[in-house]
Protein backbone atom coordinates (compact mmCIF):
# COMPACT_ATOMS: atom_id res chain seq x y z
CA ILE A 1 -21.94 13.81 12.45
CA ARG A 2 -18.99 15.57 11.57
CA GLU A 3 -16.88 13.93 15.05
CA LYS A 4 -17.69 10.53 13.16
CA GLN A 5 -15.98 11.68 10.31
CA TRP A 6 -13.15 13.20 11.66
CA LYS A 7 -12.24 10.14 13.91
CA GLU A 8 -12.94 8.00 10.33
CA ARG A 9 -10.50 10.37 8.46
CA LYS A 10 -7.97 9.76 11.16
CA VAL A 11 -8.68 5.71 11.40
CA GLU A 12 -8.12 6.15 7.45
CA THR A 13 -5.05 7.90 7.91
CA ASN A 14 -3.41 5.53 9.83
CA TYR A 15 -3.91 2.92 7.87
CA THR A 16 -2.52 5.18 4.90
CA LYS A 17 0.73 5.86 6.60
CA LEU A 18 1.03 2.39 7.32
CA ARG A 19 0.75 1.21 3.95
CA THR A 20 3.45 3.98 2.85
CA ASP A 21 5.91 3.17 5.39
CA PHE A 22 5.84 -0.62 4.23
CA TYR A 23 6.13 0.24 0.74
CA ALA A 24 9.47 2.03 1.46
CA LYS A 25 10.45 -0.59 3.27
CA VAL A 26 10.19 -2.94 0.61
CA LYS A 27 11.61 0.11 -1.80
CA ALA A 28 14.73 0.01 0.54
CA PHE A 29 15.08 -3.35 0.61
CA TYR A 30 15.19 -3.50 -3.25
CA LEU A 31 17.93 -0.74 -3.58
CA ARG A 32 19.91 -2.27 -1.31
CA PRO A 33 22.99 -4.36 -3.25
CA ALA A 34 22.16 -7.95 -3.46
CA LYS A 35 24.57 -9.38 -1.32
CA ARG A 36 23.00 -7.32 1.32
CA ARG A 37 19.72 -8.63 0.76
CA SER A 38 18.74 -11.65 3.16
CA LYS A 39 15.77 -14.09 3.03
CA GLU A 40 15.12 -12.96 6.58
CA ASP A 41 14.58 -9.26 5.80
CA TRP A 42 12.46 -9.93 3.08
CA LEU A 43 10.52 -12.74 5.82
CA GLU A 44 10.37 -9.72 8.01
CA ILE A 45 8.96 -7.78 5.13
CA LEU A 46 6.12 -10.16 4.39
CA GLN A 47 5.41 -10.79 8.28
CA GLU A 48 4.82 -7.18 8.59
CA ALA A 49 2.38 -7.31 5.17
CA GLN A 50 0.53 -9.91 7.09
CA GLU A 51 -0.16 -8.46 10.05
CA TYR A 52 -1.21 -5.15 8.37
CA ASN A 53 -3.72 -7.39 6.14
CA ALA A 54 -5.31 -9.12 9.45
CA ARG A 55 -5.39 -5.68 11.09
CA VAL A 56 -7.34 -4.35 8.02
CA ARG A 57 -9.52 -7.72 8.09
CA ARG A 58 -10.23 -7.34 12.02
CA SER A 59 -11.53 -3.48 10.96
CA GLY A 60 -13.78 -4.61 8.96
CA LYS A 61 -13.07 -1.10 6.65
CA PRO A 62 -12.61 -1.22 2.76
CA PHE A 63 -9.00 -0.29 3.16
CA PRO A 64 -6.69 -1.80 0.63
CA LEU A 65 -4.65 -4.73 1.65
CA ILE A 66 -1.22 -5.74 0.75
CA THR A 67 -0.62 -8.01 -1.97
CA GLY A 68 1.87 -9.45 -4.16
CA LYS A 69 0.25 -7.71 -7.28
CA SER A 70 0.53 -4.46 -4.79
CA ILE A 71 4.32 -4.49 -3.73
CA ARG A 72 5.16 -5.08 -7.49
CA ASN A 73 3.27 -2.33 -8.55
CA ASN A 74 3.95 0.16 -6.53
CA LEU A 75 8.27 -1.07 -6.68
CA ARG A 76 7.35 -0.41 -10.90
CA ARG A 77 6.11 3.11 -10.32
CA ALA A 78 8.93 3.94 -7.16
CA LEU A 79 12.13 2.85 -9.56
CA ARG A 80 10.88 4.04 -12.67
CA PRO A 81 12.21 7.49 -13.60
CA SER A 82 9.61 10.39 -14.36
CA LYS A 83 8.12 10.97 -17.78
CA LYS A 84 10.51 14.03 -17.92
CA GLU A 85 13.84 11.65 -16.80
CA ARG A 86 12.83 9.05 -19.81
CA MET A 87 12.32 12.03 -22.31
CA ARG A 88 15.51 13.42 -21.57
CA GLU A 89 17.28 10.26 -21.69
CA ALA A 90 15.62 9.27 -24.91
CA LYS A 91 17.25 12.70 -26.80
CA LYS A 92 20.46 11.35 -25.64
CA ALA A 93 20.09 8.14 -27.40
CA ALA A 94 19.06 9.76 -30.23
């Protein structure tokens, strides 16, 4: 039983790492100046998301898929300053 649980945990960790790397690429894409962002780069990122989703579906495991909504939410969280930084900015404005 423990061996099976360990294997499942390793698989879960692998998919988590794939998702994390994907979202890091999306964040890096959006942090580039608008002039350096190309449609080809974005299409490569979307292709990677499709490959990940296909892999998850084939595995039959209940791992989260990468969707437009998940990309948007992840970007929003990644690019938003921390609460501490927002409070500091609010104090400066006041």
